[in-house]
Amino acid sequence: CRGMFLLSTLGQYTISTSDAVPRPPIEPTLLLGAATRAFLSRTLGDHMVLQAAPQKAVVWGATTPGAVVTTTFDGVNRTATADLNGTWRQQLPPTPASSLQSHLLLFASSSGETAK
């Protein structure tokens, strides 16, 4: 999976009951920006369960195109660079399954976004 995006379309239309000359409707505008894209995918969050070894869990999100995203997992840093669409993706190391162990996962982007 390359990532998940929430896209919204906003339209502005004129409705008139007068005898004025009708105007063509204004086309809806597709907005892609900070308000519609998540730095950290909305499928990831507190108390989430990651894939256990031998699989590598994957985390992803969106930021400024070309930004470097640093993922810190249990104190080890890894970096990924956002593609031309701003999508970034990072594989975490294989981690054994355990109900007794918790992990700290931090995210930071060179464009200023953070998450944990």
Protein backbone atom coordinates (compact mmCIF):
# COMPACT_ATOMS: atom_id res chain seq x y z
CA CYS A 1 0.00 0.00 0.00
CA ARG A 2 1.48 3.37 -0.98
CA GLY A 3 -0.53 5.36 1.58
CA MET A 4 -3.98 6.59 2.30
CA PHE A 5 -5.34 9.98 1.47
CA LEU A 6 -8.52 11.75 2.42
CA LEU A 7 -9.61 13.86 -0.53
CA SER A 8 -12.37 16.43 -0.33
CA THR A 9 -14.15 18.32 -3.06
CA LEU A 10 -15.58 21.71 -2.42
CA GLY A 11 -17.91 23.42 -4.87
CA GLN A 12 -19.42 26.84 -5.05
CA TYR A 13 -22.64 27.25 -7.00
CA THR A 14 -24.91 30.21 -7.69
CA ILE A 15 -28.66 29.63 -7.44
CA SER A 16 -30.84 32.43 -8.77
CA THR A 17 -34.61 32.79 -9.00
CA SER A 18 -34.47 36.03 -10.98
CA ASP A 19 -34.79 36.45 -14.75
CA ALA A 20 -31.09 37.27 -15.04
CA VAL A 21 -29.01 35.62 -17.73
CA PRO A 22 -27.92 32.26 -16.34
CA ARG A 23 -24.22 31.77 -15.74
CA PRO A 24 -22.45 28.44 -16.07
CA PRO A 25 -21.87 26.74 -12.73
CA ILE A 26 -18.50 27.09 -11.09
CA GLU A 27 -16.64 23.80 -11.26
CA PRO A 28 -15.84 22.09 -7.96
CA THR A 29 -12.25 22.49 -6.86
CA LEU A 30 -10.18 19.57 -5.63
CA LEU A 31 -8.00 20.69 -2.75
CA LEU A 32 -4.89 18.78 -1.75
CA GLY A 33 -3.17 20.38 1.17
CA ALA A 34 -2.41 20.11 4.85
CA ALA A 35 -6.09 20.03 5.75
CA THR A 36 -6.80 16.98 3.59
CA ARG A 37 -3.64 14.93 4.01
CA ALA A 38 -2.35 13.31 7.17
CA PHE A 39 1.32 13.49 8.14
CA LEU A 40 0.81 10.11 9.81
CA SER A 41 -1.76 7.82 8.23
CA ARG A 42 -5.05 7.89 10.14
CA THR A 43 -4.91 4.08 10.26
CA LEU A 44 -2.02 4.34 12.75
CA GLY A 45 -2.35 5.50 16.35
CA ASP A 46 -1.97 4.84 20.08
CA HIS A 47 -2.13 1.21 21.20
CA MET A 48 -1.95 -0.09 17.64
CA VAL A 49 -0.75 -3.63 16.99
CA LEU A 50 2.05 -3.95 14.47
CA GLN A 51 2.96 -6.96 12.37
CA ALA A 52 5.25 -9.36 14.24
CA ALA A 53 8.50 -10.90 12.99
CA PRO A 54 9.40 -12.15 10.49
CA GLN A 55 7.21 -9.49 8.81
CA LYS A 56 8.26 -5.85 8.76
CA ALA A 57 5.55 -3.40 9.77
CA VAL A 58 5.09 -0.44 7.43
CA VAL A 59 4.15 3.10 8.49
CA TRP A 60 3.31 5.91 6.08
CA GLY A 61 1.81 9.35 5.67
CA ALA A 62 2.13 12.59 3.74
CA THR A 63 4.21 15.73 4.06
CA THR A 64 5.87 18.31 1.84
CA PRO A 65 7.34 16.73 -1.32
CA GLY A 66 11.06 16.09 -0.83
CA ALA A 67 10.89 16.40 2.97
CA VAL A 68 12.94 13.92 4.99
CA VAL A 69 10.90 11.99 7.56
CA THR A 70 12.76 10.50 10.52
CA THR A 71 11.13 7.49 12.15
CA THR A 72 12.47 6.57 15.59
CA PHE A 73 11.52 3.06 16.73
CA ASP A 74 12.83 1.96 20.13
CA GLY A 75 15.63 4.54 19.93
CA VAL A 76 16.83 3.64 16.41
CA ASN A 77 16.42 6.29 13.69
CA ARG A 78 15.51 5.57 10.09
CA THR A 79 14.82 8.11 7.36
CA ALA A 80 12.59 8.24 4.31
CA THR A 81 12.20 10.97 1.71
CA ALA A 82 8.72 12.05 0.60
CA ASP A 83 8.07 11.50 -3.11
CA LEU A 84 6.82 14.14 -5.58
CA ASN A 85 3.29 13.75 -4.17
CA GLY A 86 4.52 14.13 -0.58
CA THR A 87 3.93 10.46 0.28
CA TRP A 88 6.46 8.86 2.58
CA ARG A 89 6.76 5.21 3.64
CA GLN A 90 9.02 3.46 6.15
CA GLN A 91 9.52 -0.20 7.03
CA LEU A 92 10.18 -0.98 10.67
CA PRO A 93 12.51 -3.78 11.74
CA PRO A 94 10.99 -7.21 12.39
CA THR A 95 9.86 -7.30 16.02
CA PRO A 96 8.88 -10.41 17.99
CA ALA A 97 5.28 -10.57 19.22
CA SER A 98 4.88 -9.84 22.94
CA SER A 99 1.97 -8.81 25.12
CA LEU A 100 4.39 -7.62 27.82
CA GLN A 101 6.49 -5.23 25.75
CA SER A 102 5.54 -1.81 24.44
CA HIS A 103 7.44 0.21 21.87
CA LEU A 104 7.93 3.94 21.37
CA LEU A 105 7.48 5.13 17.80
CA LEU A 106 8.25 8.80 16.97
CA PHE A 107 7.98 10.67 13.67
CA ALA A 108 9.47 14.02 12.60
CA SER A 109 9.64 15.72 9.21
CA SER A 110 12.19 18.24 7.98
CA SER A 111 9.17 20.40 7.10
CA GLY A 112 8.10 20.59 10.77
CA GLU A 113 5.42 17.94 11.33
CA THR A 114 5.74 15.55 14.28
CA ALA A 115 3.76 12.63 15.68
CA LYS A 116 4.18 9.94 18.33
